[in-house]
Amino acid sequence: MAKSNAIREMSDEQLQHELREAQQSLFRLRVQAATERNDVPSNVKKLRRDIARMFTVQRERELSKV
């Protein structure tokens, strides 16, 4: 994914879509890790951080609306 600035530039719909895709990818990576087929274990960590960034931006937007 990208840095926080790129995530902040996305619309709400784009952010929701990217978040859903990232969560699905994380699930697939976890399954691969459980079956010992994961080629690059560091991808799990990177994807988790990207998901956390997306949740943070969503929360910032929620708080700014109030």
C-alpha atoms as a PDB file:
ATOM      1  CA  MET A   1       0.000   0.000   0.000  1.00  0.00           C
ATOM      2  CA  ALA A   2       1.164   3.500   0.623  1.00  0.00           C
ATOM      3  CA  LYS A   3       1.928   6.083   3.241  1.00  0.00           C
ATOM      4  CA  SER A   4      -0.645   7.937   5.295  1.00  0.00           C
ATOM      5  CA  ASN A   5      -0.682  10.894   2.886  1.00  0.00           C
ATOM      6  CA  ALA A   6      -1.818   8.710   0.007  1.00  0.00           C
ATOM      7  CA  ILE A   7      -4.475   7.118   2.184  1.00  0.00           C
ATOM      8  CA  ARG A   8      -5.762  10.522   3.288  1.00  0.00           C
ATOM      9  CA  GLU A   9      -6.172  11.580  -0.344  1.00  0.00           C
ATOM     10  CA  MET A  10      -8.591   8.712  -1.029  1.00  0.00           C
ATOM     11  CA  SER A  11     -12.323   9.228  -0.916  1.00  0.00           C
ATOM     12  CA  ASP A  12     -14.358   7.415   1.725  1.00  0.00           C
ATOM     13  CA  GLU A  13     -15.518   4.826  -0.800  1.00  0.00           C
ATOM     14  CA  GLN A  14     -12.000   4.175  -2.079  1.00  0.00           C
ATOM     15  CA  LEU A  15     -10.705   3.843   1.464  1.00  0.00           C
ATOM     16  CA  GLN A  16     -13.447   1.376   2.374  1.00  0.00           C
ATOM     17  CA  HIS A  17     -12.716  -0.670  -0.759  1.00  0.00           C
ATOM     18  CA  GLU A  18      -8.950  -0.717  -0.141  1.00  0.00           C
ATOM     19  CA  LEU A  19      -9.515  -1.690   3.486  1.00  0.00           C
ATOM     20  CA  ARG A  20     -11.748  -4.594   2.491  1.00  0.00           C
ATOM     21  CA  GLU A  21      -9.183  -5.810  -0.042  1.00  0.00           C
ATOM     22  CA  ALA A  22      -6.342  -5.515   2.467  1.00  0.00           C
ATOM     23  CA  GLN A  23      -8.274  -7.520   5.044  1.00  0.00           C
ATOM     24  CA  GLN A  24      -8.948 -10.253   2.503  1.00  0.00           C
ATOM     25  CA  SER A  25      -5.271 -10.320   1.533  1.00  0.00           C
ATOM     26  CA  LEU A  26      -4.270 -10.558   5.184  1.00  0.00           C
ATOM     27  CA  PHE A  27      -6.599 -13.523   5.621  1.00  0.00           C
ATOM     28  CA  ARG A  28      -5.013 -15.263   2.625  1.00  0.00           C
ATOM     29  CA  LEU A  29      -1.518 -14.599   3.964  1.00  0.00           C
ATOM     30  CA  ARG A  30      -2.471 -15.997   7.366  1.00  0.00           C
ATOM     31  CA  VAL A  31      -3.805 -19.158   5.744  1.00  0.00           C
ATOM     32  CA  GLN A  32      -0.586 -19.489   3.769  1.00  0.00           C
ATOM     33  CA  ALA A  33       1.442 -18.996   6.939  1.00  0.00           C
ATOM     34  CA  ALA A  34      -0.578 -21.674   8.734  1.00  0.00           C
ATOM     35  CA  THR A  35       0.013 -24.140   5.909  1.00  0.00           C
ATOM     36  CA  GLU A  36       3.689 -23.137   5.701  1.00  0.00           C
ATOM     37  CA  ARG A  37       3.406 -21.867   2.135  1.00  0.00           C
ATOM     38  CA  ASN A  38       4.111 -18.226   2.897  1.00  0.00           C
ATOM     39  CA  ASP A  39       7.134 -17.133   0.879  1.00  0.00           C
ATOM     40  CA  VAL A  40       7.613 -13.708   2.469  1.00  0.00           C
ATOM     41  CA  PRO A  41       6.538 -13.621   6.143  1.00  0.00           C
ATOM     42  CA  SER A  42       7.273  -9.893   6.421  1.00  0.00           C
ATOM     43  CA  ASN A  43       4.292  -9.170   4.148  1.00  0.00           C
ATOM     44  CA  VAL A  44       1.937 -10.001   7.018  1.00  0.00           C
ATOM     45  CA  LYS A  45       3.512  -7.314   9.184  1.00  0.00           C
ATOM     46  CA  LYS A  46       3.446  -4.734   6.384  1.00  0.00           C
ATOM     47  CA  LEU A  47      -0.187  -5.446   5.567  1.00  0.00           C
ATOM     48  CA  ARG A  48      -1.222  -5.228   9.209  1.00  0.00           C
ATOM     49  CA  ARG A  49       0.393  -1.801   9.451  1.00  0.00           C
ATOM     50  CA  ASP A  50      -1.351  -0.630   6.284  1.00  0.00           C
ATOM     51  CA  ILE A  51      -4.689  -1.784   7.668  1.00  0.00           C
ATOM     52  CA  ALA A  52      -3.990   0.079  10.901  1.00  0.00           C
ATOM     53  CA  ARG A  53      -3.213   3.235   8.904  1.00  0.00           C
ATOM     54  CA  MET A  54      -6.503   2.918   7.063  1.00  0.00           C
ATOM     55  CA  PHE A  55      -8.444   2.484  10.308  1.00  0.00           C
ATOM     56  CA  THR A  56      -6.658   5.520  11.737  1.00  0.00           C
ATOM     57  CA  VAL A  57      -7.610   7.700   8.781  1.00  0.00           C
ATOM     58  CA  GLN A  58     -11.216   6.489   8.986  1.00  0.00           C
ATOM     59  CA  ARG A  59     -11.332   7.350  12.673  1.00  0.00           C
ATOM     60  CA  GLU A  60      -9.840  10.801  12.035  1.00  0.00           C
ATOM     61  CA  ARG A  61     -12.573  11.466   9.490  1.00  0.00           C
ATOM     62  CA  GLU A  62     -15.272  10.319  11.917  1.00  0.00           C
ATOM     63  CA  LEU A  63     -13.967  12.626  14.620  1.00  0.00           C
ATOM     64  CA  SER A  64     -13.675  15.593  12.282  1.00  0.00           C
ATOM     65  CA  LYS A  65     -17.369  15.286  11.337  1.00  0.00           C
ATOM     66  CA  VAL A  66     -18.517  15.656  14.958  1.00  0.00           C
END
